[in-house]
Amino acid sequence: MNEPEAESQAADLVFEYELDAPPEKVWRAISIPEFRETWLPNGDLAEAEPISSAPGEEVRYRMRDDEPPFLESTVTFQVRPNVDGGTILRIVHGLVDERLAKQPPIAANNNWPCLMRAA
């Protein structure tokens, strides 16, 4: 794994839930637009269609903030069965906005060049 990927993964929010519902039911809730709309409205998504999908296992959506600076992110839902017949739902939410990567680092010691002020 290279360093940019490691830094990106460290910044991602990762949540994991154990659900009593079977994986097929959870998959329908996250992948069928009519069901998904009740808990993740199209207005919260940059596009209603997923970026990528592995049927029954993983679906990824692109999101955009509705307030400035309108940052973009991706949210990935991963579904797998648990030993009790239920589901483990893993949600990974990470910023992918290009504007964040282009900002130069700011020195912590205020080591900026001195500027003269006009009198």
N, C-alpha and C. Protein backbone atom coordinates (compact mmCIF):
# COMPACT_ATOMS: atom_id res chain seq x y z
N MET A 1 0.85 -1.18 0.00
CA MET A 1 0.00 0.00 0.00
C MET A 1 0.89 1.24 0.00
N ASN A 2 0.59 2.18 -0.88
CA ASN A 2 1.41 3.38 -0.89
C ASN A 2 0.86 4.40 0.11
N GLU A 3 1.62 5.44 0.38
CA GLU A 3 1.28 6.38 1.44
C GLU A 3 0.01 7.17 1.19
N PRO A 4 -0.27 7.69 -0.03
CA PRO A 4 -1.51 8.44 -0.22
C PRO A 4 -2.75 7.61 0.12
N GLU A 5 -2.74 6.32 -0.21
CA GLU A 5 -3.88 5.48 0.13
C GLU A 5 -4.00 5.33 1.64
N ALA A 6 -2.90 5.17 2.33
CA ALA A 6 -2.93 5.02 3.78
C ALA A 6 -3.47 6.28 4.44
N GLU A 7 -3.04 7.46 3.94
CA GLU A 7 -3.53 8.72 4.49
C GLU A 7 -5.02 8.86 4.24
N SER A 8 -5.49 8.48 3.06
CA SER A 8 -6.90 8.58 2.73
C SER A 8 -7.73 7.67 3.62
N GLN A 9 -7.26 6.45 3.84
CA GLN A 9 -8.00 5.52 4.68
C GLN A 9 -8.05 6.00 6.12
N ALA A 10 -7.01 6.65 6.60
CA ALA A 10 -6.99 7.14 7.96
C ALA A 10 -8.01 8.26 8.15
N ALA A 11 -8.30 9.02 7.10
CA ALA A 11 -9.24 10.13 7.18
C ALA A 11 -10.68 9.68 6.99
N ASP A 12 -10.91 8.47 6.51
CA ASP A 12 -12.26 7.98 6.28
C ASP A 12 -12.96 7.68 7.61
N LEU A 13 -14.28 7.90 7.60
CA LEU A 13 -15.10 7.49 8.74
C LEU A 13 -15.60 6.08 8.45
N VAL A 14 -15.42 5.17 9.38
CA VAL A 14 -15.83 3.78 9.18
C VAL A 14 -16.75 3.37 10.32
N PHE A 15 -17.94 2.88 9.95
CA PHE A 15 -18.92 2.41 10.92
C PHE A 15 -19.29 0.98 10.57
N GLU A 16 -19.46 0.15 11.59
CA GLU A 16 -19.86 -1.22 11.36
C GLU A 16 -21.01 -1.56 12.29
N TYR A 17 -22.08 -2.14 11.71
CA TYR A 17 -23.28 -2.46 12.46
C TYR A 17 -23.65 -3.92 12.26
N GLU A 18 -24.15 -4.57 13.30
CA GLU A 18 -24.71 -5.91 13.21
C GLU A 18 -26.22 -5.76 13.19
N LEU A 19 -26.85 -6.27 12.14
CA LEU A 19 -28.30 -6.16 11.97
C LEU A 19 -28.93 -7.55 12.02
N ASP A 20 -30.18 -7.60 12.50
CA ASP A 20 -30.89 -8.87 12.59
C ASP A 20 -31.43 -9.33 11.23
N ALA A 21 -31.60 -8.42 10.30
CA ALA A 21 -32.17 -8.73 8.99
C ALA A 21 -31.17 -9.54 8.16
N PRO A 22 -31.69 -10.41 7.27
CA PRO A 22 -30.79 -11.17 6.40
C PRO A 22 -30.10 -10.26 5.38
N PRO A 23 -28.93 -10.66 4.87
CA PRO A 23 -28.18 -9.82 3.93
C PRO A 23 -28.98 -9.41 2.68
N GLU A 24 -29.84 -10.30 2.19
CA GLU A 24 -30.63 -9.97 0.99
C GLU A 24 -31.55 -8.78 1.24
N LYS A 25 -32.15 -8.72 2.42
CA LYS A 25 -33.05 -7.62 2.76
C LYS A 25 -32.28 -6.30 2.91
N VAL A 26 -31.12 -6.36 3.56
CA VAL A 26 -30.29 -5.16 3.73
C VAL A 26 -29.81 -4.68 2.36
N TRP A 27 -29.41 -5.62 1.49
CA TRP A 27 -28.95 -5.25 0.16
C TRP A 27 -30.04 -4.51 -0.61
N ARG A 28 -31.28 -5.00 -0.54
CA ARG A 28 -32.38 -4.31 -1.23
C ARG A 28 -32.56 -2.89 -0.69
N ALA A 29 -32.42 -2.72 0.63
CA ALA A 29 -32.61 -1.41 1.25
C ALA A 29 -31.57 -0.39 0.82
N ILE A 30 -30.36 -0.84 0.49
CA ILE A 30 -29.31 0.10 0.10
C ILE A 30 -29.15 0.23 -1.41
N SER A 31 -29.68 -0.71 -2.19
CA SER A 31 -29.42 -0.69 -3.63
C SER A 31 -30.63 -0.34 -4.49
N ILE A 32 -31.84 -0.56 -4.02
CA ILE A 32 -33.04 -0.23 -4.81
C ILE A 32 -33.44 1.21 -4.50
N PRO A 33 -33.46 2.08 -5.52
CA PRO A 33 -33.69 3.52 -5.27
C PRO A 33 -34.96 3.83 -4.48
N GLU A 34 -36.05 3.12 -4.71
CA GLU A 34 -37.30 3.40 -4.00
C GLU A 34 -37.15 3.14 -2.50
N PHE A 35 -36.42 2.11 -2.12
CA PHE A 35 -36.20 1.81 -0.70
C PHE A 35 -35.14 2.74 -0.11
N ARG A 36 -34.06 2.97 -0.85
CA ARG A 36 -32.98 3.82 -0.37
C ARG A 36 -33.45 5.26 -0.14
N GLU A 37 -34.36 5.72 -0.95
CA GLU A 37 -34.86 7.10 -0.88
C GLU A 37 -35.44 7.43 0.50
N THR A 38 -35.97 6.45 1.23
CA THR A 38 -36.58 6.72 2.54
C THR A 38 -35.55 7.10 3.60
N TRP A 39 -34.32 6.62 3.48
CA TRP A 39 -33.33 6.93 4.50
C TRP A 39 -32.10 7.65 3.94
N LEU A 40 -31.91 7.64 2.63
CA LEU A 40 -30.82 8.38 1.97
C LEU A 40 -31.41 9.04 0.72
N PRO A 41 -31.99 10.24 0.88
CA PRO A 41 -32.68 10.89 -0.24
C PRO A 41 -31.74 11.24 -1.40
N ASN A 42 -32.31 11.26 -2.60
CA ASN A 42 -31.53 11.63 -3.79
C ASN A 42 -30.94 13.03 -3.65
N GLY A 43 -31.59 13.91 -2.89
CA GLY A 43 -31.07 15.26 -2.69
C GLY A 43 -29.73 15.29 -1.98
N ASP A 44 -29.41 14.28 -1.21
CA ASP A 44 -28.12 14.19 -0.51
C ASP A 44 -27.03 13.62 -1.39
N LEU A 45 -27.42 13.04 -2.52
CA LEU A 45 -26.47 12.41 -3.42
C LEU A 45 -26.12 13.35 -4.57
N ALA A 46 -24.88 13.30 -5.03
CA ALA A 46 -24.50 14.08 -6.22
C ALA A 46 -25.15 13.46 -7.45
N GLU A 47 -25.28 12.13 -7.46
CA GLU A 47 -25.94 11.41 -8.54
C GLU A 47 -26.74 10.28 -7.90
N ALA A 48 -27.94 10.03 -8.40
CA ALA A 48 -28.79 8.98 -7.85
C ALA A 48 -28.24 7.59 -8.15
N GLU A 49 -27.53 7.46 -9.26
CA GLU A 49 -26.97 6.17 -9.64
C GLU A 49 -25.66 5.92 -8.89
N PRO A 50 -25.41 4.68 -8.49
CA PRO A 50 -24.14 4.39 -7.80
C PRO A 50 -22.93 4.53 -8.70
N ILE A 51 -21.78 4.85 -8.10
CA ILE A 51 -20.51 4.92 -8.83
C ILE A 51 -20.09 3.52 -9.24
N SER A 52 -20.20 2.59 -8.28
CA SER A 52 -19.83 1.20 -8.55
C SER A 52 -20.71 0.30 -7.69
N SER A 53 -20.82 -0.94 -8.12
CA SER A 53 -21.63 -1.88 -7.39
C SER A 53 -21.14 -3.30 -7.63
N ALA A 54 -21.05 -4.08 -6.57
CA ALA A 54 -20.79 -5.51 -6.65
C ALA A 54 -22.04 -6.15 -6.05
N PRO A 55 -22.97 -6.63 -6.88
CA PRO A 55 -24.27 -7.09 -6.40
C PRO A 55 -24.19 -8.01 -5.19
N GLY A 56 -24.97 -7.64 -4.18
CA GLY A 56 -25.03 -8.42 -2.96
C GLY A 56 -23.90 -8.19 -1.98
N GLU A 57 -22.89 -7.41 -2.38
CA GLU A 57 -21.72 -7.22 -1.51
C GLU A 57 -21.42 -5.76 -1.18
N GLU A 58 -21.38 -4.89 -2.22
CA GLU A 58 -20.93 -3.52 -2.00
C GLU A 58 -21.56 -2.58 -3.02
N VAL A 59 -21.93 -1.38 -2.56
CA VAL A 59 -22.40 -0.32 -3.45
C VAL A 59 -21.80 0.99 -2.97
N ARG A 60 -21.41 1.85 -3.94
CA ARG A 60 -20.74 3.12 -3.62
C ARG A 60 -21.49 4.26 -4.31
N TYR A 61 -21.77 5.32 -3.52
CA TYR A 61 -22.46 6.50 -4.04
C TYR A 61 -21.57 7.72 -3.86
N ARG A 62 -21.78 8.71 -4.74
CA ARG A 62 -21.08 9.98 -4.63
C ARG A 62 -22.03 10.98 -3.99
N MET A 63 -21.54 11.71 -2.99
CA MET A 63 -22.36 12.68 -2.28
C MET A 63 -21.74 14.07 -2.43
N ARG A 64 -22.58 15.10 -2.26
CA ARG A 64 -22.12 16.49 -2.30
C ARG A 64 -22.85 17.26 -1.22
N ASP A 65 -22.10 18.07 -0.45
CA ASP A 65 -22.71 18.90 0.59
C ASP A 65 -23.69 19.87 -0.04
N ASP A 66 -24.75 20.21 0.69
CA ASP A 66 -25.73 21.16 0.16
C ASP A 66 -25.44 22.59 0.63
N GLU A 67 -24.32 22.79 1.34
CA GLU A 67 -23.91 24.12 1.78
C GLU A 67 -22.47 24.36 1.35
N PRO A 68 -22.09 25.64 1.15
CA PRO A 68 -20.71 25.93 0.77
C PRO A 68 -19.73 25.36 1.78
N PRO A 69 -18.64 24.85 1.36
CA PRO A 69 -17.99 24.90 0.06
C PRO A 69 -18.39 23.75 -0.87
N PHE A 70 -19.51 23.05 -0.61
CA PHE A 70 -20.03 22.00 -1.49
C PHE A 70 -18.99 20.91 -1.74
N LEU A 71 -18.42 20.37 -0.67
CA LEU A 71 -17.42 19.32 -0.78
C LEU A 71 -18.05 18.02 -1.27
N GLU A 72 -17.26 17.23 -1.99
CA GLU A 72 -17.73 15.95 -2.49
C GLU A 72 -17.08 14.82 -1.69
N SER A 73 -17.84 13.74 -1.54
CA SER A 73 -17.37 12.58 -0.81
C SER A 73 -17.97 11.33 -1.42
N THR A 74 -17.48 10.18 -0.98
CA THR A 74 -18.09 8.91 -1.38
C THR A 74 -18.50 8.17 -0.13
N VAL A 75 -19.59 7.43 -0.25
CA VAL A 75 -20.03 6.57 0.84
C VAL A 75 -20.17 5.17 0.25
N THR A 76 -19.55 4.20 0.93
CA THR A 76 -19.55 2.82 0.48
C THR A 76 -20.27 1.96 1.51
N PHE A 77 -21.23 1.17 1.04
CA PHE A 77 -21.96 0.25 1.90
C PHE A 77 -21.52 -1.17 1.56
N GLN A 78 -21.00 -1.88 2.55
CA GLN A 78 -20.55 -3.25 2.36
C GLN A 78 -21.43 -4.17 3.20
N VAL A 79 -21.95 -5.23 2.57
CA VAL A 79 -22.86 -6.16 3.23
C VAL A 79 -22.23 -7.54 3.25
N ARG A 80 -22.25 -8.17 4.44
CA ARG A 80 -21.81 -9.56 4.52
C ARG A 80 -22.60 -10.27 5.63
N PRO A 81 -22.81 -11.56 5.49
CA PRO A 81 -23.58 -12.27 6.51
C PRO A 81 -22.77 -12.47 7.79
N ASN A 82 -23.48 -12.54 8.92
CA ASN A 82 -22.80 -12.89 10.17
C ASN A 82 -23.17 -14.33 10.54
N VAL A 83 -22.63 -14.84 11.62
CA VAL A 83 -22.82 -16.25 11.98
C VAL A 83 -24.24 -16.55 12.46
N ASP A 84 -25.00 -15.54 12.88
CA ASP A 84 -26.36 -15.74 13.40
C ASP A 84 -27.43 -15.65 12.33
N GLY A 85 -27.04 -15.50 11.06
CA GLY A 85 -28.02 -15.36 9.99
C GLY A 85 -28.40 -13.92 9.72
N GLY A 86 -27.83 -13.00 10.45
CA GLY A 86 -28.07 -11.58 10.24
C GLY A 86 -27.06 -11.00 9.28
N THR A 87 -26.84 -9.69 9.42
CA THR A 87 -25.97 -8.98 8.48
C THR A 87 -24.99 -8.09 9.21
N ILE A 88 -23.78 -8.01 8.69
CA ILE A 88 -22.82 -7.00 9.12
C ILE A 88 -22.80 -5.95 8.03
N LEU A 89 -23.19 -4.73 8.39
CA LEU A 89 -23.21 -3.61 7.44
C LEU A 89 -22.05 -2.69 7.80
N ARG A 90 -21.14 -2.51 6.87
CA ARG A 90 -19.98 -1.63 7.06
C ARG A 90 -20.17 -0.42 6.16
N ILE A 91 -20.06 0.78 6.74
CA ILE A 91 -20.23 2.03 6.00
C ILE A 91 -18.92 2.79 6.07
N VAL A 92 -18.37 3.14 4.90
CA VAL A 92 -17.12 3.89 4.81
C VAL A 92 -17.43 5.19 4.09
N HIS A 93 -17.20 6.31 4.78
CA HIS A 93 -17.49 7.64 4.22
C HIS A 93 -16.19 8.44 4.20
N GLY A 94 -15.78 8.87 3.01
CA GLY A 94 -14.54 9.60 2.90
C GLY A 94 -14.62 10.77 1.94
N LEU A 95 -13.90 11.84 2.26
CA LEU A 95 -13.82 13.01 1.38
C LEU A 95 -12.95 12.68 0.18
N VAL A 96 -13.41 13.07 -0.99
CA VAL A 96 -12.63 12.85 -2.21
C VAL A 96 -12.53 14.13 -3.03
N ASP A 97 -12.91 15.24 -2.45
CA ASP A 97 -12.93 16.50 -3.18
C ASP A 97 -11.51 16.90 -3.58
N GLU A 98 -11.29 17.19 -4.85
CA GLU A 98 -9.97 17.53 -5.37
C GLU A 98 -9.44 18.84 -4.78
N ARG A 99 -10.33 19.73 -4.39
CA ARG A 99 -9.88 21.01 -3.85
C ARG A 99 -9.12 20.84 -2.55
N LEU A 100 -9.38 19.80 -1.80
CA LEU A 100 -8.68 19.58 -0.54
C LEU A 100 -7.24 19.14 -0.77
N ALA A 101 -6.99 18.41 -1.84
CA ALA A 101 -5.64 17.90 -2.11
C ALA A 101 -4.72 18.98 -2.67
N LYS A 102 -5.26 20.03 -3.24
CA LYS A 102 -4.45 21.06 -3.89
C LYS A 102 -3.99 22.16 -2.95
N GLN A 103 -4.46 22.19 -1.71
CA GLN A 103 -4.07 23.25 -0.79
C GLN A 103 -2.67 22.99 -0.25
N PRO A 104 -1.79 23.98 -0.31
CA PRO A 104 -0.45 23.79 0.24
C PRO A 104 -0.51 23.75 1.76
N PRO A 105 0.39 23.02 2.39
CA PRO A 105 0.40 22.99 3.85
C PRO A 105 0.80 24.35 4.41
N ILE A 106 0.23 24.70 5.53
CA ILE A 106 0.54 25.95 6.20
C ILE A 106 1.50 25.65 7.34
N ALA A 107 2.57 26.42 7.42
CA ALA A 107 3.57 26.19 8.45
C ALA A 107 2.98 26.47 9.83
N ALA A 108 3.27 25.61 10.78
CA ALA A 108 2.75 25.77 12.13
C ALA A 108 3.51 26.85 12.90
N ASN A 109 4.71 27.21 12.44
CA ASN A 109 5.53 28.18 13.17
C ASN A 109 5.44 29.58 12.56
N ASN A 110 4.46 29.82 11.71
CA ASN A 110 4.28 31.12 11.10
C ASN A 110 5.53 31.56 10.36
N ASN A 111 6.11 30.65 9.62
CA ASN A 111 7.35 30.89 8.91
C ASN A 111 7.09 31.41 7.50
N TRP A 112 6.18 32.33 7.39
CA TRP A 112 5.86 32.94 6.09
C TRP A 112 6.87 34.06 5.82
N PRO A 113 7.07 34.40 4.57
CA PRO A 113 8.02 35.49 4.27
C PRO A 113 7.50 36.81 4.84
N CYS A 114 8.41 37.63 5.30
CA CYS A 114 8.05 38.94 5.86
C CYS A 114 7.61 39.87 4.73
N LEU A 115 6.57 40.61 4.97
CA LEU A 115 6.07 41.59 4.01
C LEU A 115 6.15 42.97 4.62
N MET A 116 6.52 43.95 3.80
CA MET A 116 6.60 45.32 4.27
C MET A 116 5.22 45.97 4.07
N ARG A 117 4.81 46.75 5.02
CA ARG A 117 3.55 47.48 4.88
C ARG A 117 3.82 48.89 4.37
N ALA A 118 2.94 49.35 3.54
CA ALA A 118 3.07 50.73 3.03
C ALA A 118 2.70 51.70 4.15
N ALA A 119 3.45 52.79 4.27
CA ALA A 119 3.19 53.76 5.31
C ALA A 119 2.18 54.78 4.90
